Amino acid sequence: MTHRYKIHSRERGYEGFLRVDKFQISHALYGGGMSPVLTRECLMRGVAVGVLPYDPERDTVLLVEQFRIGALEDERGAWIVETIAGLAEPGEEPMAVARRESMEEAGIEVAELELIADYLPSPGACTERALLYCGRFDSRGAGGVFGLDEEHEDIRAEVYPVEEAIRMVEDRVIRSAMPIIALQWLAAHRRRLREAWTDGNWQEALWEND
């Protein structure tokens, strides 16, 4: 099958805190030919960047918790435990976003960054692309309440032993996709990271990446 499609029309359906476009579109079929013209609404988003800060010396991670409107009808509550995350500004490099958001949401600096995943969280209805990293950091003294006043953010950052954080995934305490992906990845790569990131040059690596 040739992967092709045709946009017959596109119009702005809504624009506020979020932007929704309405499409009239048809696409190629596996059995040949084209589909009928379909009406589809799509949430137009950019690049989201997430980071799981990991301290290999103390085997701890930092997670954040905040109110999320999308969890309003979840009986487990609307406050969600997540990785640090934010949207990239036009032209902003993903690693720069990871470092900026780490400071804004948790007051920490991350040194080395390793890509965990590059994925589409909800391609059935949203254009968002997610880049998820693991970042080395020093967890001593980390934690507290952070966020930008102008964005009305109220974010609690907390340091967890890795084993406890992984149990939070297994016990379904963590419900958001980014931290589930990140912690499952860390469970598989933890030994390698501890060997690679505990070379005795911790502070030097931190300052080199400033």
N, C-alpha and C. Protein backbone atom coordinates (compact mmCIF):
# COMPACT_ATOMS: atom_id res chain seq x y z
N MET A 1 0.84 -1.19 0.00
CA MET A 1 0.00 0.00 0.00
C MET A 1 0.88 1.25 0.00
N THR A 2 0.49 2.23 -0.79
CA THR A 2 1.17 3.53 -0.75
C THR A 2 0.57 4.35 0.37
N HIS A 3 1.41 4.78 1.28
CA HIS A 3 0.92 5.56 2.40
C HIS A 3 0.71 7.01 1.95
N ARG A 4 -0.50 7.30 1.50
CA ARG A 4 -0.80 8.64 1.03
C ARG A 4 -2.17 9.07 1.56
N TYR A 5 -2.35 10.35 1.59
CA TYR A 5 -3.63 10.90 2.04
C TYR A 5 -3.87 12.21 1.31
N LYS A 6 -5.12 12.69 1.38
CA LYS A 6 -5.47 13.96 0.77
C LYS A 6 -6.30 14.78 1.74
N ILE A 7 -5.84 15.99 2.02
CA ILE A 7 -6.60 16.92 2.85
C ILE A 7 -7.51 17.73 1.93
N HIS A 8 -8.83 17.54 2.06
CA HIS A 8 -9.79 18.25 1.23
C HIS A 8 -10.09 19.64 1.79
N SER A 9 -10.08 19.76 3.11
CA SER A 9 -10.25 21.07 3.74
C SER A 9 -9.72 21.01 5.16
N ARG A 10 -9.37 22.19 5.67
CA ARG A 10 -8.88 22.29 7.05
C ARG A 10 -9.29 23.65 7.59
N GLU A 11 -9.88 23.66 8.78
CA GLU A 11 -10.30 24.92 9.38
C GLU A 11 -10.08 24.89 10.88
N ARG A 12 -9.93 26.07 11.46
CA ARG A 12 -9.75 26.18 12.91
C ARG A 12 -11.09 25.95 13.60
N GLY A 13 -11.15 24.90 14.43
CA GLY A 13 -12.38 24.60 15.14
C GLY A 13 -12.48 25.33 16.47
N TYR A 14 -11.33 25.50 17.12
CA TYR A 14 -11.32 26.16 18.42
C TYR A 14 -9.90 26.62 18.72
N GLU A 15 -9.78 27.76 19.38
CA GLU A 15 -8.46 28.19 19.84
C GLU A 15 -8.62 28.91 21.16
N GLY A 16 -8.00 28.37 22.19
CA GLY A 16 -7.98 28.94 23.52
C GLY A 16 -6.70 28.51 24.18
N PHE A 17 -6.80 27.89 25.38
CA PHE A 17 -5.61 27.30 25.99
C PHE A 17 -5.07 26.19 25.08
N LEU A 18 -5.98 25.52 24.37
CA LEU A 18 -5.63 24.50 23.38
C LEU A 18 -6.15 24.93 22.01
N ARG A 19 -5.63 24.28 20.96
CA ARG A 19 -6.06 24.57 19.60
C ARG A 19 -6.54 23.30 18.93
N VAL A 20 -7.71 23.35 18.32
CA VAL A 20 -8.29 22.19 17.63
C VAL A 20 -8.56 22.57 16.19
N ASP A 21 -8.08 21.75 15.24
CA ASP A 21 -8.36 21.94 13.82
C ASP A 21 -9.31 20.85 13.34
N LYS A 22 -10.16 21.20 12.40
CA LYS A 22 -11.12 20.27 11.82
C LYS A 22 -10.72 19.97 10.38
N PHE A 23 -10.59 18.69 10.06
CA PHE A 23 -10.12 18.25 8.75
C PHE A 23 -11.23 17.49 8.01
N GLN A 24 -11.25 17.67 6.69
CA GLN A 24 -11.93 16.76 5.77
C GLN A 24 -10.80 16.05 5.04
N ILE A 25 -10.67 14.75 5.25
CA ILE A 25 -9.48 14.04 4.78
C ILE A 25 -9.83 12.64 4.29
N SER A 26 -9.09 12.16 3.32
CA SER A 26 -9.20 10.76 2.89
C SER A 26 -7.80 10.17 2.83
N HIS A 27 -7.72 8.83 2.96
CA HIS A 27 -6.40 8.19 2.99
C HIS A 27 -6.45 6.85 2.26
N ALA A 28 -5.26 6.38 1.86
CA ALA A 28 -5.14 5.11 1.15
C ALA A 28 -5.59 3.95 2.04
N LEU A 29 -6.14 2.91 1.42
CA LEU A 29 -6.62 1.72 2.12
C LEU A 29 -5.69 0.54 1.84
N TYR A 30 -5.56 -0.37 2.80
CA TYR A 30 -4.72 -1.55 2.61
C TYR A 30 -5.20 -2.41 1.47
N GLY A 31 -6.50 -2.44 1.22
CA GLY A 31 -7.04 -3.24 0.12
C GLY A 31 -7.02 -2.54 -1.21
N GLY A 32 -6.48 -1.33 -1.25
CA GLY A 32 -6.43 -0.56 -2.49
C GLY A 32 -7.46 0.55 -2.50
N GLY A 33 -7.18 1.57 -3.26
CA GLY A 33 -8.10 2.69 -3.36
C GLY A 33 -7.98 3.64 -2.18
N MET A 34 -8.95 4.53 -2.09
CA MET A 34 -8.97 5.55 -1.05
C MET A 34 -10.22 5.44 -0.20
N SER A 35 -10.10 5.88 1.02
CA SER A 35 -11.26 5.93 1.91
C SER A 35 -12.23 7.02 1.45
N PRO A 36 -13.47 6.99 1.94
CA PRO A 36 -14.33 8.15 1.71
C PRO A 36 -13.77 9.37 2.45
N VAL A 37 -14.31 10.52 2.16
CA VAL A 37 -13.87 11.73 2.87
C VAL A 37 -14.35 11.65 4.32
N LEU A 38 -13.41 11.75 5.24
CA LEU A 38 -13.69 11.62 6.67
C LEU A 38 -13.58 12.97 7.35
N THR A 39 -14.41 13.19 8.35
CA THR A 39 -14.30 14.40 9.18
C THR A 39 -13.57 14.02 10.45
N ARG A 40 -12.47 14.71 10.72
CA ARG A 40 -11.67 14.43 11.91
C ARG A 40 -11.26 15.74 12.59
N GLU A 41 -11.44 15.78 13.91
CA GLU A 41 -10.91 16.89 14.70
C GLU A 41 -9.59 16.46 15.32
N CYS A 42 -8.64 17.38 15.39
CA CYS A 42 -7.32 17.04 15.92
C CYS A 42 -6.81 18.15 16.82
N LEU A 43 -6.33 17.77 17.98
CA LEU A 43 -5.70 18.72 18.90
C LEU A 43 -4.29 19.00 18.40
N MET A 44 -4.00 20.26 18.13
CA MET A 44 -2.72 20.63 17.53
C MET A 44 -1.74 21.01 18.64
N ARG A 45 -0.74 20.18 18.82
CA ARG A 45 0.27 20.41 19.86
C ARG A 45 1.65 20.32 19.22
N GLY A 46 2.64 20.78 19.96
CA GLY A 46 4.00 20.73 19.46
C GLY A 46 4.79 19.58 20.05
N VAL A 47 6.03 19.86 20.42
CA VAL A 47 6.93 18.85 20.99
C VAL A 47 6.91 18.97 22.51
N ALA A 48 6.54 17.90 23.17
CA ALA A 48 6.60 17.85 24.64
C ALA A 48 7.88 17.13 25.04
N VAL A 49 8.55 17.67 26.04
CA VAL A 49 9.81 17.08 26.50
C VAL A 49 9.66 16.71 27.97
N GLY A 50 9.94 15.45 28.30
CA GLY A 50 9.89 14.99 29.67
C GLY A 50 11.28 14.55 30.13
N VAL A 51 11.51 14.61 31.43
CA VAL A 51 12.80 14.16 31.97
C VAL A 51 12.58 13.49 33.33
N LEU A 52 13.19 12.33 33.48
CA LEU A 52 13.22 11.62 34.75
C LEU A 52 14.60 11.85 35.36
N PRO A 53 14.74 12.71 36.38
CA PRO A 53 16.03 12.91 37.01
C PRO A 53 16.41 11.68 37.85
N TYR A 54 17.63 11.18 37.63
CA TYR A 54 18.11 9.99 38.33
C TYR A 54 19.45 10.28 38.97
N ASP A 55 19.55 9.99 40.26
CA ASP A 55 20.79 10.14 41.02
C ASP A 55 21.41 8.75 41.17
N PRO A 56 22.44 8.44 40.38
CA PRO A 56 23.03 7.09 40.42
C PRO A 56 23.81 6.83 41.70
N GLU A 57 24.29 7.88 42.35
CA GLU A 57 25.04 7.70 43.59
C GLU A 57 24.12 7.19 44.71
N ARG A 58 22.92 7.73 44.77
CA ARG A 58 21.99 7.38 45.85
C ARG A 58 20.84 6.51 45.36
N ASP A 59 20.81 6.20 44.08
CA ASP A 59 19.79 5.34 43.46
C ASP A 59 18.39 5.88 43.75
N THR A 60 18.20 7.16 43.45
CA THR A 60 16.92 7.84 43.67
C THR A 60 16.49 8.55 42.39
N VAL A 61 15.19 8.81 42.31
CA VAL A 61 14.63 9.59 41.21
C VAL A 61 13.80 10.73 41.78
N LEU A 62 13.55 11.72 40.97
CA LEU A 62 12.66 12.81 41.37
C LEU A 62 11.42 12.79 40.50
N LEU A 63 10.26 12.84 41.14
CA LEU A 63 8.98 12.92 40.45
C LEU A 63 8.23 14.14 40.95
N VAL A 64 7.31 14.63 40.13
CA VAL A 64 6.52 15.80 40.51
C VAL A 64 5.04 15.42 40.56
N GLU A 65 4.28 16.22 41.30
CA GLU A 65 2.84 16.01 41.40
C GLU A 65 2.14 17.34 41.20
N GLN A 66 1.05 17.33 40.41
CA GLN A 66 0.28 18.54 40.20
C GLN A 66 -1.14 18.22 39.74
N PHE A 67 -2.01 19.22 39.80
CA PHE A 67 -3.40 19.07 39.38
C PHE A 67 -3.47 18.98 37.86
N ARG A 68 -4.28 18.03 37.36
CA ARG A 68 -4.45 17.85 35.92
C ARG A 68 -5.94 17.76 35.59
N ILE A 69 -6.40 18.65 34.71
CA ILE A 69 -7.81 18.72 34.35
C ILE A 69 -8.29 17.42 33.69
N GLY A 70 -7.40 16.73 32.97
CA GLY A 70 -7.79 15.50 32.30
C GLY A 70 -8.10 14.35 33.23
N ALA A 71 -7.71 14.47 34.49
CA ALA A 71 -7.98 13.42 35.48
C ALA A 71 -9.16 13.78 36.38
N LEU A 72 -9.91 14.80 36.00
CA LEU A 72 -10.98 15.31 36.85
C LEU A 72 -12.03 14.25 37.17
N GLU A 73 -12.32 13.38 36.21
CA GLU A 73 -13.35 12.37 36.42
C GLU A 73 -12.79 11.02 36.86
N ASP A 74 -11.49 10.96 37.12
CA ASP A 74 -10.88 9.73 37.62
C ASP A 74 -11.15 9.63 39.12
N GLU A 75 -11.72 8.51 39.53
CA GLU A 75 -12.08 8.35 40.95
C GLU A 75 -10.87 8.36 41.87
N ARG A 76 -9.66 8.21 41.30
CA ARG A 76 -8.45 8.23 42.12
C ARG A 76 -7.94 9.64 42.36
N GLY A 77 -8.58 10.63 41.76
CA GLY A 77 -8.22 12.02 42.02
C GLY A 77 -7.55 12.70 40.85
N ALA A 78 -7.50 14.04 40.91
CA ALA A 78 -7.00 14.86 39.81
C ALA A 78 -5.55 15.31 40.00
N TRP A 79 -4.91 14.90 41.09
CA TRP A 79 -3.49 15.21 41.29
C TRP A 79 -2.68 14.02 40.81
N ILE A 80 -1.78 14.25 39.86
CA ILE A 80 -1.09 13.18 39.15
C ILE A 80 0.42 13.25 39.42
N VAL A 81 1.01 12.08 39.71
CA VAL A 81 2.47 11.96 39.85
C VAL A 81 3.06 11.76 38.46
N GLU A 82 4.02 12.59 38.11
CA GLU A 82 4.54 12.62 36.75
C GLU A 82 6.06 12.79 36.74
N THR A 83 6.61 12.71 35.54
CA THR A 83 7.96 13.20 35.30
C THR A 83 7.89 14.71 35.09
N ILE A 84 9.00 15.38 35.24
CA ILE A 84 9.10 16.78 34.82
C ILE A 84 8.83 16.84 33.32
N ALA A 85 8.07 17.84 32.88
CA ALA A 85 7.77 17.93 31.45
C ALA A 85 7.31 19.33 31.08
N GLY A 86 7.46 19.66 29.80
CA GLY A 86 6.99 20.93 29.28
C GLY A 86 7.06 20.94 27.77
N LEU A 87 6.43 21.94 27.17
CA LEU A 87 6.42 22.08 25.72
C LEU A 87 7.61 22.92 25.24
N ALA A 88 8.17 22.51 24.13
CA ALA A 88 9.28 23.26 23.53
C ALA A 88 8.75 24.53 22.87
N GLU A 89 9.47 25.62 23.05
CA GLU A 89 9.17 26.85 22.31
C GLU A 89 9.66 26.66 20.87
N PRO A 90 9.12 27.42 19.91
CA PRO A 90 9.59 27.30 18.51
C PRO A 90 11.11 27.45 18.41
N GLY A 91 11.75 26.45 17.82
CA GLY A 91 13.19 26.48 17.63
C GLY A 91 14.01 26.04 18.83
N GLU A 92 13.37 25.74 19.95
CA GLU A 92 14.10 25.35 21.16
C GLU A 92 14.51 23.89 21.09
N GLU A 93 15.76 23.60 21.42
CA GLU A 93 16.27 22.24 21.40
C GLU A 93 15.67 21.43 22.56
N PRO A 94 15.30 20.16 22.32
CA PRO A 94 14.68 19.35 23.37
C PRO A 94 15.49 19.25 24.66
N MET A 95 16.82 19.10 24.55
CA MET A 95 17.62 18.99 25.77
C MET A 95 17.61 20.29 26.55
N ALA A 96 17.52 21.41 25.84
CA ALA A 96 17.42 22.71 26.53
C ALA A 96 16.09 22.80 27.27
N VAL A 97 15.04 22.25 26.68
CA VAL A 97 13.73 22.22 27.35
C VAL A 97 13.82 21.37 28.62
N ALA A 98 14.47 20.21 28.52
CA ALA A 98 14.60 19.33 29.68
C ALA A 98 15.30 20.04 30.83
N ARG A 99 16.36 20.79 30.52
CA ARG A 99 17.10 21.50 31.57
C ARG A 99 16.29 22.69 32.12
N ARG A 100 15.60 23.40 31.23
CA ARG A 100 14.79 24.54 31.67
C ARG A 100 13.65 24.07 32.58
N GLU A 101 12.95 23.03 32.16
CA GLU A 101 11.82 22.55 32.95
C GLU A 101 12.28 21.94 34.27
N SER A 102 13.46 21.33 34.29
CA SER A 102 13.98 20.77 35.54
C SER A 102 14.18 21.86 36.59
N MET A 103 14.64 23.01 36.16
CA MET A 103 14.82 24.13 37.08
C MET A 103 13.49 24.74 37.47
N GLU A 104 12.58 24.92 36.49
CA GLU A 104 11.30 25.56 36.77
C GLU A 104 10.40 24.70 37.65
N GLU A 105 10.38 23.39 37.41
CA GLU A 105 9.44 22.52 38.12
C GLU A 105 10.02 21.86 39.36
N ALA A 106 11.34 21.83 39.49
CA ALA A 106 11.93 21.14 40.64
C ALA A 106 13.14 21.83 41.23
N GLY A 107 13.60 22.93 40.65
CA GLY A 107 14.74 23.65 41.18
C GLY A 107 16.04 22.88 41.12
N ILE A 108 16.19 22.00 40.13
CA ILE A 108 17.39 21.18 40.03
C ILE A 108 18.08 21.38 38.68
N GLU A 109 19.37 21.04 38.64
CA GLU A 109 20.13 21.00 37.41
C GLU A 109 20.36 19.54 37.04
N VAL A 110 20.20 19.23 35.76
CA VAL A 110 20.51 17.88 35.28
C VAL A 110 21.77 17.95 34.43
N ALA A 111 22.62 16.96 34.57
CA ALA A 111 23.87 16.92 33.82
C ALA A 111 23.64 16.13 32.53
N GLU A 112 24.17 14.94 32.43
CA GLU A 112 24.00 14.14 31.22
C GLU A 112 22.53 13.80 31.02
N LEU A 113 22.13 13.77 29.75
CA LEU A 113 20.77 13.38 29.39
C LEU A 113 20.84 12.23 28.40
N GLU A 114 20.06 11.19 28.64
CA GLU A 114 19.98 10.06 27.71
C GLU A 114 18.54 9.90 27.26
N LEU A 115 18.35 9.79 25.94
CA LEU A 115 17.00 9.66 25.38
C LEU A 115 16.41 8.30 25.74
N ILE A 116 15.22 8.32 26.32
CA ILE A 116 14.48 7.11 26.66
C ILE A 116 13.57 6.71 25.51
N ALA A 117 12.78 7.67 25.01
CA ALA A 117 11.79 7.36 23.98
C ALA A 117 11.44 8.61 23.20
N ASP A 118 11.05 8.41 21.94
CA ASP A 118 10.56 9.45 21.05
C ASP A 118 9.26 8.89 20.48
N TYR A 119 8.12 9.36 20.96
CA TYR A 119 6.86 8.68 20.64
C TYR A 119 5.70 9.67 20.51
N LEU A 120 4.58 9.17 19.97
CA LEU A 120 3.35 9.93 19.81
C LEU A 120 2.36 9.46 20.88
N PRO A 121 2.05 10.28 21.89
CA PRO A 121 1.23 9.82 23.00
C PRO A 121 -0.20 9.46 22.61
N SER A 122 -0.80 10.19 21.67
CA SER A 122 -2.20 9.94 21.33
C SER A 122 -2.46 10.32 19.88
N PRO A 123 -1.88 9.59 18.91
CA PRO A 123 -1.96 10.00 17.51
C PRO A 123 -3.35 9.90 16.90
N GLY A 124 -4.29 9.25 17.59
CA GLY A 124 -5.65 9.19 17.09
C GLY A 124 -6.37 10.52 17.14
N ALA A 125 -5.86 11.46 17.97
CA ALA A 125 -6.59 12.72 18.12
C ALA A 125 -5.69 13.91 18.42
N CYS A 126 -4.36 13.72 18.41
CA CYS A 126 -3.47 14.80 18.84
C CYS A 126 -2.15 14.70 18.07
N THR A 127 -1.57 15.87 17.71
CA THR A 127 -0.31 15.89 16.96
C THR A 127 0.91 15.85 17.86
N GLU A 128 0.74 15.87 19.16
CA GLU A 128 1.88 15.98 20.08
C GLU A 128 2.91 14.86 19.86
N ARG A 129 4.18 15.27 19.86
CA ARG A 129 5.31 14.34 19.83
C ARG A 129 6.04 14.49 21.16
N ALA A 130 6.35 13.37 21.79
CA ALA A 130 6.99 13.39 23.10
C ALA A 130 8.41 12.86 23.02
N LEU A 131 9.34 13.62 23.57
CA LEU A 131 10.73 13.18 23.73
C LEU A 131 10.98 13.05 25.23
N LEU A 132 11.36 11.87 25.65
CA LEU A 132 11.50 11.57 27.08
C LEU A 132 12.95 11.20 27.38
N TYR A 133 13.52 11.87 28.39
CA TYR A 133 14.93 11.68 28.74
C TYR A 133 15.07 11.20 30.19
N CYS A 134 16.22 10.59 30.44
CA CYS A 134 16.69 10.36 31.81
C CYS A 134 17.87 11.29 32.01
N GLY A 135 17.86 12.03 33.12
CA GLY A 135 18.92 13.01 33.36
C GLY A 135 19.60 12.77 34.69
N ARG A 136 20.91 12.83 34.70
CA ARG A 136 21.67 12.63 35.94
C ARG A 136 21.59 13.89 36.80
N PHE A 137 21.35 13.70 38.10
CA PHE A 137 21.30 14.85 39.00
C PHE A 137 21.73 14.44 40.39
N ASP A 138 21.95 15.42 41.23
CA ASP A 138 22.32 15.21 42.63
C ASP A 138 21.08 15.46 43.47
N SER A 139 20.57 14.42 44.12
CA SER A 139 19.29 14.52 44.83
C SER A 139 19.40 15.11 46.23
N ARG A 140 20.62 15.38 46.69
CA ARG A 140 20.77 15.93 48.05
C ARG A 140 20.08 17.28 48.16
N GLY A 141 19.14 17.39 49.09
CA GLY A 141 18.42 18.64 49.32
C GLY A 141 17.32 18.92 48.32
N ALA A 142 17.09 18.03 47.36
CA ALA A 142 16.06 18.26 46.35
C ALA A 142 14.67 18.05 46.92
N GLY A 143 13.69 18.67 46.31
CA GLY A 143 12.30 18.55 46.73
C GLY A 143 11.73 19.88 47.15
N GLY A 144 10.41 19.97 47.19
CA GLY A 144 9.75 21.20 47.57
C GLY A 144 8.64 21.55 46.59
N VAL A 145 8.14 22.77 46.68
CA VAL A 145 7.06 23.24 45.82
C VAL A 145 7.61 24.29 44.86
N PHE A 146 7.33 24.11 43.57
CA PHE A 146 7.91 24.95 42.53
C PHE A 146 6.84 25.30 41.49
N GLY A 147 7.28 25.95 40.42
CA GLY A 147 6.39 26.35 39.33
C GLY A 147 6.44 27.84 39.09
N LEU A 148 6.03 28.24 37.89
CA LEU A 148 6.04 29.64 37.50
C LEU A 148 4.73 30.30 37.89
N ASP A 149 4.82 31.43 38.59
CA ASP A 149 3.62 32.15 39.01
C ASP A 149 2.79 32.61 37.82
N GLU A 150 3.47 33.06 36.75
CA GLU A 150 2.73 33.57 35.59
C GLU A 150 1.98 32.48 34.85
N GLU A 151 2.35 31.22 35.07
CA GLU A 151 1.63 30.09 34.47
C GLU A 151 0.73 29.39 35.48
N HIS A 152 0.62 30.00 36.68
CA HIS A 152 -0.24 29.46 37.75
C HIS A 152 0.10 28.01 38.08
N GLU A 153 1.39 27.70 38.07
CA GLU A 153 1.84 26.34 38.37
C GLU A 153 1.99 26.15 39.88
N ASP A 154 1.60 25.01 40.34
CA ASP A 154 1.74 24.62 41.75
C ASP A 154 2.20 23.17 41.75
N ILE A 155 3.51 22.97 41.77
CA ILE A 155 4.11 21.66 41.51
C ILE A 155 4.93 21.21 42.72
N ARG A 156 4.62 20.03 43.21
CA ARG A 156 5.38 19.47 44.33
C ARG A 156 6.39 18.46 43.78
N ALA A 157 7.66 18.68 44.09
CA ALA A 157 8.73 17.77 43.67
C ALA A 157 9.16 16.94 44.87
N GLU A 158 9.36 15.64 44.63
CA GLU A 158 9.74 14.74 45.72
C GLU A 158 10.73 13.70 45.21
N VAL A 159 11.69 13.37 46.05
CA VAL A 159 12.70 12.36 45.72
C VAL A 159 12.25 11.01 46.28
N TYR A 160 12.38 9.97 45.45
CA TYR A 160 11.98 8.62 45.84
C TYR A 160 13.13 7.64 45.59
N PRO A 161 13.32 6.65 46.46
CA PRO A 161 14.20 5.54 46.10
C PRO A 161 13.65 4.87 44.84
N VAL A 162 14.53 4.41 43.97
CA VAL A 162 14.08 3.82 42.70
C VAL A 162 13.13 2.66 42.94
N GLU A 163 13.42 1.79 43.88
CA GLU A 163 12.55 0.64 44.13
C GLU A 163 11.14 1.09 44.49
N GLU A 164 11.02 2.14 45.29
CA GLU A 164 9.70 2.64 45.67
C GLU A 164 8.97 3.21 44.46
N ALA A 165 9.67 3.94 43.62
CA ALA A 165 9.05 4.52 42.43
C ALA A 165 8.56 3.43 41.48
N ILE A 166 9.35 2.37 41.31
CA ILE A 166 8.93 1.26 40.44
C ILE A 166 7.71 0.57 41.03
N ARG A 167 7.66 0.42 42.35
CA ARG A 167 6.47 -0.18 42.98
C ARG A 167 5.24 0.69 42.77
N MET A 168 5.43 2.01 42.71
CA MET A 168 4.30 2.90 42.46
C MET A 168 3.70 2.66 41.07
N VAL A 169 4.52 2.25 40.12
CA VAL A 169 4.00 1.86 38.80
C VAL A 169 3.26 0.54 38.92
N GLU A 170 3.88 -0.44 39.57
CA GLU A 170 3.27 -1.76 39.70
C GLU A 170 1.96 -1.72 40.48
N ASP A 171 1.88 -0.81 41.47
CA ASP A 171 0.66 -0.69 42.28
C ASP A 171 -0.35 0.26 41.68
N ARG A 172 -0.07 0.78 40.48
CA ARG A 172 -0.96 1.68 39.74
C ARG A 172 -1.20 3.00 40.46
N VAL A 173 -0.25 3.37 41.31
CA VAL A 173 -0.30 4.70 41.92
C VAL A 173 0.04 5.74 40.86
N ILE A 174 1.01 5.44 40.02
CA ILE A 174 1.38 6.31 38.91
C ILE A 174 0.49 5.95 37.72
N ARG A 175 -0.20 6.95 37.18
CA ARG A 175 -1.22 6.71 36.16
C ARG A 175 -0.93 7.37 34.83
N SER A 176 0.11 8.19 34.77
CA SER A 176 0.43 8.94 33.56
C SER A 176 1.47 8.18 32.74
N ALA A 177 1.37 8.29 31.40
CA ALA A 177 2.20 7.46 30.52
C ALA A 177 3.69 7.76 30.66
N MET A 178 4.07 9.04 30.72
CA MET A 178 5.50 9.38 30.74
C MET A 178 6.26 8.72 31.89
N PRO A 179 5.81 8.85 33.14
CA PRO A 179 6.57 8.22 34.22
C PRO A 179 6.54 6.70 34.16
N ILE A 180 5.45 6.11 33.65
CA ILE A 180 5.40 4.65 33.50
C ILE A 180 6.48 4.20 32.52
N ILE A 181 6.55 4.86 31.36
CA ILE A 181 7.57 4.53 30.36
C ILE A 181 8.96 4.74 30.93
N ALA A 182 9.16 5.89 31.60
CA ALA A 182 10.49 6.24 32.10
C ALA A 182 10.97 5.27 33.17
N LEU A 183 10.10 4.91 34.10
CA LEU A 183 10.52 4.04 35.20
C LEU A 183 10.71 2.60 34.74
N GLN A 184 9.90 2.14 33.78
CA GLN A 184 10.13 0.81 33.23
C GLN A 184 11.45 0.77 32.47
N TRP A 185 11.76 1.85 31.76
CA TRP A 185 13.05 1.93 31.07
C TRP A 185 14.18 1.93 32.09
N LEU A 186 14.04 2.71 33.16
CA LEU A 186 15.09 2.77 34.17
C LEU A 186 15.31 1.41 34.82
N ALA A 187 14.24 0.67 35.05
CA ALA A 187 14.38 -0.66 35.64
C ALA A 187 15.26 -1.55 34.76
N ALA A 188 15.18 -1.37 33.45
CA ALA A 188 15.97 -2.18 32.51
C ALA A 188 17.39 -1.67 32.34
N HIS A 189 17.61 -0.36 32.55
CA HIS A 189 18.92 0.25 32.27
C HIS A 189 19.63 0.75 33.52
N ARG A 190 19.08 0.48 34.67
CA ARG A 190 19.60 1.03 35.93
C ARG A 190 21.05 0.63 36.20
N ARG A 191 21.38 -0.63 36.06
CA ARG A 191 22.74 -1.09 36.34
C ARG A 191 23.74 -0.40 35.42
N ARG A 192 23.40 -0.33 34.13
CA ARG A 192 24.30 0.32 33.17
C ARG A 192 24.52 1.79 33.52
N LEU A 193 23.44 2.49 33.88
CA LEU A 193 23.57 3.90 34.21
C LEU A 193 24.41 4.11 35.46
N ARG A 194 24.22 3.26 36.46
CA ARG A 194 25.01 3.42 37.69
C ARG A 194 26.49 3.23 37.41
N GLU A 195 26.82 2.28 36.53
CA GLU A 195 28.22 2.07 36.17
C GLU A 195 28.77 3.24 35.36
N ALA A 196 27.94 3.78 34.45
CA ALA A 196 28.41 4.85 33.56
C ALA A 196 28.45 6.20 34.25
N TRP A 197 27.55 6.42 35.19
CA TRP A 197 27.38 7.75 35.78
C TRP A 197 27.96 7.89 37.18
N THR A 198 28.71 6.92 37.64
CA THR A 198 29.36 7.04 38.95
C THR A 198 30.87 6.85 38.77
N ASP A 199 31.46 7.78 38.01
CA ASP A 199 32.88 7.65 37.65
C ASP A 199 33.78 8.53 38.51
N GLY A 200 33.20 9.15 39.54
CA GLY A 200 34.01 10.00 40.40
C GLY A 200 34.17 11.41 39.90
N ASN A 201 33.63 11.71 38.70
CA ASN A 201 33.75 13.06 38.13
C ASN A 201 32.39 13.73 38.08
N TRP A 202 31.56 13.47 39.08
CA TRP A 202 30.18 13.95 39.09
C TRP A 202 30.08 15.47 38.97
N GLN A 203 30.76 16.22 39.83
CA GLN A 203 30.63 17.68 39.79
C GLN A 203 31.21 18.23 38.50
N GLU A 204 32.31 17.65 37.99
CA GLU A 204 32.89 18.13 36.76
C GLU A 204 31.91 17.99 35.62
N ALA A 205 31.21 16.85 35.53
CA ALA A 205 30.23 16.63 34.47
C ALA A 205 29.08 17.60 34.58
N LEU A 206 28.67 17.90 35.80
CA LEU A 206 27.57 18.84 36.01
C LEU A 206 27.92 20.21 35.46
N TRP A 207 29.12 20.73 35.82
CA TRP A 207 29.47 22.07 35.39
C TRP A 207 29.73 22.11 33.88
N GLU A 208 30.26 21.03 33.30
CA GLU A 208 30.52 21.01 31.87
C GLU A 208 29.24 21.14 31.07
N ASN A 209 28.09 20.67 31.63
CA ASN A 209 26.83 20.70 30.90
C ASN A 209 26.00 21.93 31.21
N ASP A 210 26.52 22.86 32.01
CA ASP A 210 25.76 24.09 32.31
C ASP A 210 25.59 24.94 31.07
